[in-house]
Protein backbone atom coordinates (compact mmCIF):
# COMPACT_ATOMS: atom_id res chain seq x y z
CA MET A 1 -35.13 47.17 -76.10
CA ALA A 2 -33.95 50.52 -75.42
CA VAL A 3 -34.26 51.34 -71.76
CA ARG A 4 -33.62 54.21 -69.17
CA ALA A 5 -30.30 53.14 -67.85
CA LEU A 6 -28.57 54.84 -64.87
CA ILE A 7 -24.74 54.11 -64.37
CA THR A 8 -22.82 54.70 -61.34
CA GLY A 9 -19.00 54.86 -61.81
CA ALA A 10 -19.82 56.14 -65.44
CA THR A 11 -16.27 58.11 -65.76
CA GLY A 12 -14.61 54.99 -64.70
CA PHE A 13 -12.65 52.71 -66.96
CA ALA A 14 -15.50 49.98 -67.25
CA GLY A 15 -18.16 52.91 -66.80
CA ARG A 16 -17.26 54.73 -69.76
CA HIS A 17 -17.24 51.64 -72.19
CA LEU A 18 -20.51 50.49 -70.60
CA ALA A 19 -22.10 54.20 -71.18
CA ALA A 20 -20.88 54.14 -74.74
CA HIS A 21 -22.17 50.59 -75.50
CA CYS A 22 -25.76 51.28 -73.95
CA ARG A 23 -25.98 54.66 -75.90
CA ASP A 24 -24.92 52.52 -78.96
CA ALA A 25 -27.68 50.41 -78.28
CA GLY A 26 -30.19 53.28 -78.10
CA ASP A 27 -30.40 53.30 -74.43
CA ASP A 28 -31.20 56.63 -72.50
CA VAL A 29 -28.29 56.94 -70.10
CA ILE A 30 -28.21 58.93 -67.09
CA GLU A 31 -24.61 59.17 -65.27
CA LEU A 32 -23.73 59.06 -62.02
CA ALA A 33 -19.96 59.81 -61.76
CA ARG A 34 -18.70 58.63 -58.73
CA SER A 35 -18.54 58.91 -54.92
CA GLY A 36 -17.99 62.43 -53.74
CA THR A 37 -19.26 64.13 -56.65
CA PRO A 38 -21.67 67.01 -55.60
CA GLY A 39 -25.47 65.82 -55.79
CA THR A 40 -24.27 62.13 -56.73
CA ASP A 41 -22.43 61.20 -53.58
CA LEU A 42 -23.27 57.53 -53.10
CA LEU A 43 -21.97 57.76 -49.46
CA ASP A 44 -24.53 59.92 -48.68
CA ALA A 45 -27.79 58.02 -48.28
CA ARG A 46 -30.42 60.85 -49.17
CA ALA A 47 -28.34 62.19 -51.88
CA THR A 48 -28.39 58.60 -53.28
CA ARG A 49 -32.33 58.39 -53.00
CA ASP A 50 -32.63 61.70 -54.67
CA ALA A 51 -30.44 60.80 -57.66
CA ILE A 52 -32.55 57.74 -57.98
CA SER A 53 -35.64 59.39 -57.86
CA ARG A 54 -35.09 62.20 -60.12
CA ALA A 55 -33.54 59.48 -62.89
CA ALA A 56 -36.46 57.00 -62.48
CA PRO A 57 -34.39 54.29 -64.11
CA ASP A 58 -35.64 51.09 -65.79
CA VAL A 59 -32.10 49.46 -65.35
CA VAL A 60 -29.13 50.48 -62.72
CA TYR A 61 -25.53 49.42 -63.50
CA HIS A 62 -23.65 49.65 -60.23
CA LEU A 63 -19.95 50.24 -61.18
CA ALA A 64 -18.89 53.14 -58.94
CA ALA A 65 -16.01 51.49 -56.46
CA GLN A 66 -12.39 52.03 -55.06
CA ALA A 67 -11.23 49.05 -57.49
CA HIS A 68 -7.55 48.89 -56.81
CA VAL A 69 -6.41 45.98 -54.88
CA GLY A 70 -2.86 47.68 -54.29
CA GLU A 71 -4.87 50.74 -53.05
CA SER A 72 -7.06 48.70 -50.79
CA TRP A 73 -4.01 47.56 -48.85
CA ARG A 74 -2.97 51.14 -48.30
CA ASP A 75 -6.29 52.41 -46.94
CA PRO A 76 -8.85 49.35 -46.18
CA ALA A 77 -10.90 51.58 -44.24
CA TYR A 78 -11.50 53.82 -47.27
CA THR A 79 -12.13 50.88 -49.48
CA LEU A 80 -14.54 48.93 -47.49
CA ALA A 81 -16.48 52.30 -46.75
CA VAL A 82 -16.77 53.27 -50.31
CA ASN A 83 -17.51 49.84 -51.80
CA SER A 84 -19.73 48.61 -48.89
CA THR A 85 -21.85 51.83 -48.16
CA SER A 86 -22.50 53.00 -51.74
CA THR A 87 -23.67 49.73 -52.68
CA LEU A 88 -25.94 49.48 -49.53
CA ASN A 89 -27.06 53.33 -50.14
CA LEU A 90 -27.87 52.73 -53.66
CA LEU A 91 -29.87 49.32 -53.14
CA GLU A 92 -31.63 51.17 -50.43
CA ALA A 93 -32.41 53.82 -52.72
CA VAL A 94 -33.88 51.75 -55.68
CA ARG A 95 -35.86 49.71 -52.96
CA LEU A 96 -37.59 52.93 -51.66
CA GLN A 97 -37.89 54.61 -55.22
CA THR A 98 -37.85 52.54 -58.21
CA PRO A 99 -38.30 48.80 -56.72
CA GLU A 100 -39.17 47.54 -60.33
CA ALA A 101 -35.96 48.62 -61.74
CA ALA A 102 -33.44 46.03 -62.65
CA VAL A 103 -30.01 46.37 -61.07
CA LEU A 104 -26.68 45.06 -61.98
CA VAL A 105 -23.99 45.02 -59.18
CA ALA A 106 -20.52 44.84 -60.62
CA SER A 107 -18.84 42.37 -58.24
CA SER A 108 -15.47 40.72 -58.77
CA GLY A 109 -13.75 37.11 -59.26
CA GLU A 110 -11.43 38.28 -56.34
CA VAL A 111 -14.19 37.38 -53.78
CA TYR A 112 -13.44 33.64 -54.50
CA GLY A 113 -9.88 34.16 -53.24
CA ALA A 114 -7.59 30.99 -53.28
CA PRO A 115 -10.04 28.33 -55.08
CA ASP A 116 -10.34 24.62 -54.25
CA ALA A 117 -10.65 23.91 -58.02
CA LEU A 118 -10.38 25.66 -61.39
CA PRO A 119 -12.01 27.18 -63.08
CA VAL A 120 -14.11 28.70 -60.47
CA ALA A 121 -17.96 28.25 -60.69
CA GLU A 122 -20.54 30.79 -59.07
CA ASP A 123 -21.14 28.19 -56.28
CA ALA A 124 -17.75 28.44 -54.89
CA PRO A 125 -17.29 29.60 -51.51
CA LEU A 126 -16.07 33.37 -50.99
CA ARG A 127 -12.81 33.61 -49.39
CA PRO A 128 -11.41 37.24 -50.07
CA GLN A 129 -7.83 37.46 -49.45
CA ASN A 130 -7.13 41.40 -49.72
CA PRO A 131 -9.38 44.16 -48.38
CA TYR A 132 -10.71 45.14 -51.83
CA ALA A 133 -11.80 41.57 -52.13
CA VAL A 134 -13.38 41.79 -48.77
CA SER A 135 -15.26 44.87 -49.52
CA LYS A 136 -16.61 43.49 -52.91
CA ALA A 137 -17.84 40.52 -51.28
CA SER A 138 -19.62 42.65 -48.69
CA ALA A 139 -21.24 44.44 -51.48
CA ASP A 140 -22.05 41.09 -53.10
CA LEU A 141 -23.83 39.75 -50.22
CA LEU A 142 -25.59 42.97 -49.96
CA ALA A 143 -26.90 42.63 -53.52
CA GLY A 144 -28.20 39.09 -52.54
CA PHE A 145 -29.63 39.99 -49.37
CA TYR A 146 -31.94 42.73 -51.27
CA ALA A 147 -32.69 40.41 -53.94
CA ASP A 148 -34.05 37.53 -51.14
CA GLY A 149 -35.00 40.06 -48.61
CA HIS A 150 -36.94 42.74 -50.42
CA GLY A 151 -37.41 41.28 -53.58
CA LEU A 152 -35.14 43.20 -56.09
CA ASN A 153 -34.34 42.09 -59.47
CA VAL A 154 -30.71 42.04 -58.68
CA VAL A 155 -27.62 40.54 -60.89
CA ARG A 156 -24.61 39.90 -59.01
CA ALA A 157 -21.93 40.21 -62.03
CA ARG A 158 -18.62 38.63 -60.91
CA ALA A 159 -16.15 40.08 -63.49
CA PHE A 160 -12.70 38.75 -63.27
CA ASN A 161 -9.78 41.14 -64.52
CA HIS A 162 -10.67 43.16 -67.66
CA ALA A 163 -8.41 45.34 -69.47
CA GLY A 164 -8.47 47.42 -72.60
CA PRO A 165 -7.96 51.02 -74.09
CA GLY A 166 -8.36 53.89 -71.71
CA GLN A 167 -7.50 51.90 -68.50
CA PRO A 168 -5.46 53.73 -65.83
CA PRO A 169 -1.74 52.56 -65.50
CA SER A 170 -2.48 51.16 -62.14
CA TYR A 171 -3.60 48.13 -63.46
CA ALA A 172 -1.59 45.18 -64.70
CA VAL A 173 -2.33 45.16 -68.46
CA SER A 174 -2.46 49.06 -68.74
CA ASN A 175 0.68 49.30 -66.73
CA LEU A 176 2.65 46.90 -68.75
CA ALA A 177 1.57 48.47 -71.84
CA HIS A 178 2.45 52.15 -70.60
CA GLN A 179 5.92 50.76 -69.72
CA PHE A 180 6.41 49.45 -73.27
CA ALA A 181 5.14 52.75 -74.93
CA THR A 182 7.03 54.96 -72.93
CA SER A 183 10.24 53.00 -73.08
CA LEU A 184 9.92 52.33 -76.85
CA GLN A 185 9.33 56.32 -77.30
CA ALA A 186 12.61 56.72 -75.49
CA GLY A 187 14.24 54.41 -77.97
CA ASN A 188 15.30 52.00 -75.41
CA ASP A 189 16.50 48.21 -76.81
CA PRO A 190 15.90 46.26 -75.06
CA VAL A 191 12.74 47.34 -73.24
CA ARG A 192 13.01 47.00 -69.73
CA ILE A 193 9.49 45.85 -68.00
CA VAL A 194 9.57 45.71 -64.12
CA THR A 195 6.56 43.66 -62.59
CA GLY A 196 5.85 41.82 -59.18
CA ASN A 197 5.68 38.10 -59.46
CA PRO A 198 5.74 37.00 -63.00
CA ALA A 199 4.27 33.58 -62.32
CA THR A 200 1.03 34.87 -61.07
CA ARG A 201 -2.06 34.13 -63.51
CA ARG A 202 -5.12 36.02 -64.08
CA ASP A 203 -8.38 35.37 -66.01
CA TYR A 204 -8.19 38.46 -68.43
CA THR A 205 -11.23 39.65 -70.43
CA ASP A 206 -11.38 42.78 -72.91
CA VAL A 207 -13.65 45.32 -71.13
CA ARG A 208 -15.85 45.66 -74.29
CA ASP A 209 -16.66 42.18 -73.84
CA VAL A 210 -17.15 42.69 -70.14
CA VAL A 211 -19.87 45.52 -70.45
CA ARG A 212 -21.72 43.56 -73.27
CA ALA A 213 -22.22 40.87 -70.93
CA TYR A 214 -23.30 43.32 -68.25
CA ARG A 215 -26.16 44.57 -70.85
CA LEU A 216 -27.05 41.09 -72.10
CA LEU A 217 -27.77 40.00 -68.53
CA VAL A 218 -30.12 42.79 -67.88
CA GLN A 219 -31.60 42.42 -71.28
CA ARG A 220 -32.21 38.93 -70.78
CA GLY A 221 -34.11 39.30 -67.75
CA CYS A 222 -31.36 37.28 -65.59
CA SER A 223 -31.03 37.43 -61.69
CA GLY A 224 -28.67 36.00 -59.50
CA ILE A 225 -24.93 35.20 -59.56
CA TYR A 226 -22.70 35.09 -62.99
CA ASN A 227 -18.88 35.13 -63.52
CA VAL A 228 -18.11 37.22 -66.22
CA CYS A 229 -14.59 36.18 -67.76
CA SER A 230 -12.90 34.26 -70.46
CA GLY A 231 -12.04 30.96 -68.76
CA SER A 232 -8.51 31.01 -69.30
CA SER A 233 -5.65 32.48 -67.59
CA ALA A 234 -2.30 34.21 -68.50
CA SER A 235 0.67 34.87 -66.30
CA THR A 236 2.46 38.08 -65.80
CA ALA A 237 5.46 36.64 -67.90
CA ASP A 238 2.93 35.69 -70.73
CA LEU A 239 1.62 39.42 -70.74
CA VAL A 240 5.37 40.90 -71.06
CA SER A 241 6.15 38.41 -73.87
CA ALA A 242 3.06 38.85 -75.68
CA LEU A 243 3.38 42.68 -75.51
CA ALA A 244 6.83 42.49 -76.63
CA GLN A 245 5.47 40.47 -79.85
CA ALA A 246 2.97 43.10 -80.44
CA ALA A 247 5.47 45.99 -80.13
CA ARG A 248 8.12 43.92 -82.11
CA ALA A 249 10.65 44.76 -79.20
CA ARG A 250 12.91 42.89 -77.19
CA ALA A 251 12.06 43.05 -73.58
CA GLU A 252 14.14 42.65 -70.34
CA HIS A 253 11.45 41.41 -67.64
CA VAL A 254 12.71 42.24 -63.89
CA ALA A 255 10.79 40.83 -61.01
CA ASP A 256 10.77 43.39 -58.10
CA PRO A 257 10.14 41.73 -54.96
CA ALA A 258 8.67 45.10 -53.30
CA LEU A 259 5.98 44.73 -55.90
CA ILE A 260 4.97 41.34 -54.68
CA ARG A 261 1.46 41.68 -52.84
CA PRO A 262 1.15 39.95 -49.54
CA ASN A 263 -1.15 37.03 -49.44
CA GLU A 264 -1.55 37.00 -53.44
CA VAL A 265 -3.58 34.30 -54.84
CA LEU A 266 -1.48 32.63 -57.51
CA GLU A 267 -4.08 31.81 -60.03
CA ILE A 268 -7.68 33.16 -60.78
CA ARG A 269 -9.55 31.71 -63.34
CA GLY A 270 -13.29 31.38 -63.62
CA SER A 271 -16.12 29.43 -65.56
CA CYS A 272 -18.64 31.40 -67.79
CA GLN A 273 -20.68 28.42 -68.45
CA LYS A 274 -23.80 29.79 -66.86
CA LEU A 275 -23.40 33.38 -68.48
CA SER A 276 -23.01 31.67 -71.91
CA GLN A 277 -25.88 29.35 -71.46
CA GLU A 278 -28.32 31.94 -70.14
CA THR A 279 -27.43 34.41 -72.59
CA GLY A 280 -25.43 33.26 -75.59
CA TRP A 281 -22.61 35.45 -74.56
CA GLN A 282 -18.99 34.65 -75.65
CA PRO A 283 -15.89 36.83 -75.33
CA GLU A 284 -15.20 38.18 -78.89
CA LEU A 285 -11.95 39.77 -78.37
CA GLU A 286 -8.64 37.79 -77.94
CA LEU A 287 -6.39 38.72 -75.12
CA GLU A 288 -3.76 39.47 -78.05
CA GLN A 289 -6.21 42.34 -79.38
CA THR A 290 -6.82 43.57 -75.98
CA LEU A 291 -2.99 44.06 -75.42
CA ARG A 292 -2.27 45.78 -79.04
CA ASP A 293 -5.12 48.09 -78.44
CA ALA A 294 -3.82 49.05 -74.81
CA LEU A 295 -0.46 49.26 -76.29
CA ASP A 296 -1.65 51.56 -79.39
CA GLY A 297 -3.58 53.84 -76.84
CA TRP A 298 -0.81 54.74 -74.90
CA ARG A 299 1.40 55.30 -77.87
CA ARG A 300 -1.08 57.71 -79.05
CA GLU A 301 -1.50 59.47 -75.70
CA LEU A 302 2.11 59.62 -75.59
CA ALA A 303 2.56 60.99 -78.76
CA ALA A 304 -0.07 63.73 -78.54
């Protein structure tokens, strides 16, 4: 069923893919670009209420965030302010202006921190291990409070690492694909790839599968907490190897100690069983396809 959908963070990586997916499905999409945009500043409570009132959405997807872990270490105050305050203002605006609207708050698998067991299910305790994760845990808990305390229809979608074409190079998969594309364009053989800890493992899902899960959760009338993930993990070394194969190139993988993050969790891997059981969702795009598409995207951009 087509709906009137408001998307915060609609110019961001996942936001662009979600907006395109919703439009393809026939939804009437209203975009709120990001915090700080005139007229749509989610850090301004009144501006947020006015934006929600004007849009009168059936569905709100809240994706706007400072979403980079490394940046959160450099400026934790900004990350906490943006991610917590924008979520609070948005939920309060929905409560006051459109309390019947369904709300999906994009949380993160980072909120679990170092898990007691893998894969991580939705009932695992929250143990955030970096400022970004703390900010997303705060937003996640606010979403739960507005559901419990005010009766809003809220989905807390804990998305694990997602990647794909169009992602900024500050994120792992896109950074590696960019390094490969740049080095290949320069004619280097082997391709020199520099990373942090090559043994860290993350649960990667293609962004196109992630946004499909977001819309399905709302479409099926779900509420509560859902992991959005693949259920398997790959190491940084695995990513380098797979990209080398996709590029048909030899890679010289160098681990730079300066790029190893403090307090880093060695493996993050989630269970998507609840999401699959309640919506029928399964990841459709294999990691190898995601890596090829990310590499091809950078090759096209560098060649332009």
